[in-house]
Amino acid sequence: MIKLAVGDALIDILGTDTNFQPAAGVEVCITEVGSNGTSATSVDVYDGTTTSVIGATSHVGILVKIFITNSNYIRGTGVANHFYSGVQTK
């Protein structure tokens, strides 16, 4: 678990089929996501059941503004590493 304070920058790399799920009560604004995948990979917002794709296949970097929580979080799927960056807001 990554421990941050409000206002701290966050940059991380997810391995294959892994999540970044903030602790309960924490909110993070994701500002960029990406993948080095060549096929069947995606970076998604996930709630434990439903997936919404942010970027798929080989996206070097996609600028976004998505707030994630313990309930709706980032998931990297497929056979590639994924990255995300953002700022803790709560």
Protein backbone atom coordinates (compact mmCIF):
# COMPACT_ATOMS: atom_id res chain seq x y z
CA MET A 1 0.00 0.00 0.00
CA ILE A 2 1.30 3.42 -0.97
CA LYS A 3 0.93 6.01 1.81
CA LEU A 4 0.57 9.62 0.73
CA ALA A 5 -0.72 12.92 2.08
CA VAL A 6 -3.19 15.24 0.35
CA GLY A 7 -1.37 17.06 -2.44
CA ASP A 8 1.32 14.41 -2.93
CA ALA A 9 2.11 13.38 -6.51
CA LEU A 10 1.68 9.73 -7.36
CA ILE A 11 3.40 7.87 -10.20
CA ASP A 12 3.40 4.09 -10.30
CA ILE A 13 3.76 1.09 -12.60
CA LEU A 14 1.25 -1.76 -12.47
CA GLY A 15 2.28 -5.21 -13.54
CA THR A 16 0.02 -7.44 -15.57
CA ASP A 17 -3.54 -7.85 -14.25
CA THR A 18 -3.10 -5.69 -11.14
CA ASN A 19 -5.02 -2.87 -9.43
CA PHE A 20 -4.35 0.43 -7.73
CA GLN A 21 -7.06 0.74 -5.10
CA PRO A 22 -6.72 3.63 -2.62
CA ALA A 23 -7.45 2.99 1.05
CA ALA A 24 -10.96 3.67 2.36
CA GLY A 25 -11.57 7.43 2.63
CA VAL A 26 -8.78 8.32 0.20
CA GLU A 27 -9.42 9.96 -3.19
CA VAL A 28 -6.87 10.32 -6.00
CA CYS A 29 -7.18 12.36 -9.20
CA ILE A 30 -5.57 10.34 -12.00
CA THR A 31 -4.07 12.63 -14.66
CA GLU A 32 -2.41 10.18 -17.06
CA VAL A 33 -2.52 6.46 -17.85
CA GLY A 34 -0.64 4.33 -20.34
CA SER A 35 0.56 0.92 -21.36
CA ASN A 36 3.48 -0.65 -23.19
CA GLY A 37 1.27 -3.46 -24.46
CA THR A 38 1.08 -4.60 -28.04
CA SER A 39 -2.18 -6.52 -27.88
CA ALA A 40 -5.16 -7.18 -25.61
CA THR A 41 -4.15 -4.79 -22.84
CA SER A 42 -6.07 -1.98 -21.19
CA VAL A 43 -6.10 0.47 -18.30
CA ASP A 44 -9.57 0.58 -16.79
CA VAL A 45 -11.69 2.04 -14.03
CA TYR A 46 -13.03 -0.93 -12.07
CA ASP A 47 -15.50 -1.34 -9.21
CA GLY A 48 -14.91 -5.02 -8.49
CA THR A 49 -17.56 -6.08 -11.01
CA THR A 50 -17.84 -3.63 -13.92
CA THR A 51 -14.97 -2.36 -16.07
CA SER A 52 -14.81 0.88 -18.04
CA VAL A 53 -11.82 1.09 -20.40
CA ILE A 54 -9.76 4.30 -20.29
CA GLY A 55 -7.13 3.23 -22.82
CA ALA A 56 -6.46 0.03 -24.71
CA THR A 57 -3.52 -1.67 -26.46
CA SER A 58 -0.31 0.36 -26.93
CA HIS A 59 -1.09 3.82 -25.61
CA VAL A 60 2.05 5.62 -24.60
CA GLY A 61 0.12 8.09 -22.47
CA ILE A 62 -3.45 9.33 -22.29
CA LEU A 63 -4.22 12.53 -20.42
CA VAL A 64 -7.31 12.12 -18.25
CA LYS A 65 -8.96 13.62 -15.19
CA ILE A 66 -10.54 10.76 -13.27
CA PHE A 67 -11.14 10.69 -9.53
CA ILE A 68 -10.73 7.22 -8.03
CA THR A 69 -11.61 5.90 -4.59
CA ASN A 70 -11.64 2.60 -2.74
CA SER A 71 -14.90 1.78 -4.56
CA ASN A 72 -13.89 2.79 -8.12
CA TYR A 73 -10.22 2.24 -8.86
CA ILE A 74 -7.61 1.69 -11.58
CA ARG A 75 -7.01 -1.75 -13.08
CA GLY A 76 -4.35 -2.79 -15.59
CA THR A 77 -5.24 -5.90 -17.59
CA GLY A 78 -3.48 -8.00 -20.19
CA VAL A 79 0.09 -8.99 -20.89
CA ALA A 80 1.83 -5.64 -20.40
CA ASN A 81 2.94 -3.19 -17.75
CA HIS A 82 0.74 -0.14 -17.22
CA PHE A 83 1.42 3.21 -15.59
CA TYR A 84 -0.60 5.98 -14.03
CA SER A 85 0.08 9.31 -12.42
CA GLY A 86 -2.01 11.62 -10.31
CA VAL A 87 -2.43 13.60 -7.10
CA GLN A 88 -4.02 12.59 -3.82
CA THR A 89 -6.95 14.93 -3.20
CA LYS A 90 -8.52 13.52 -0.03
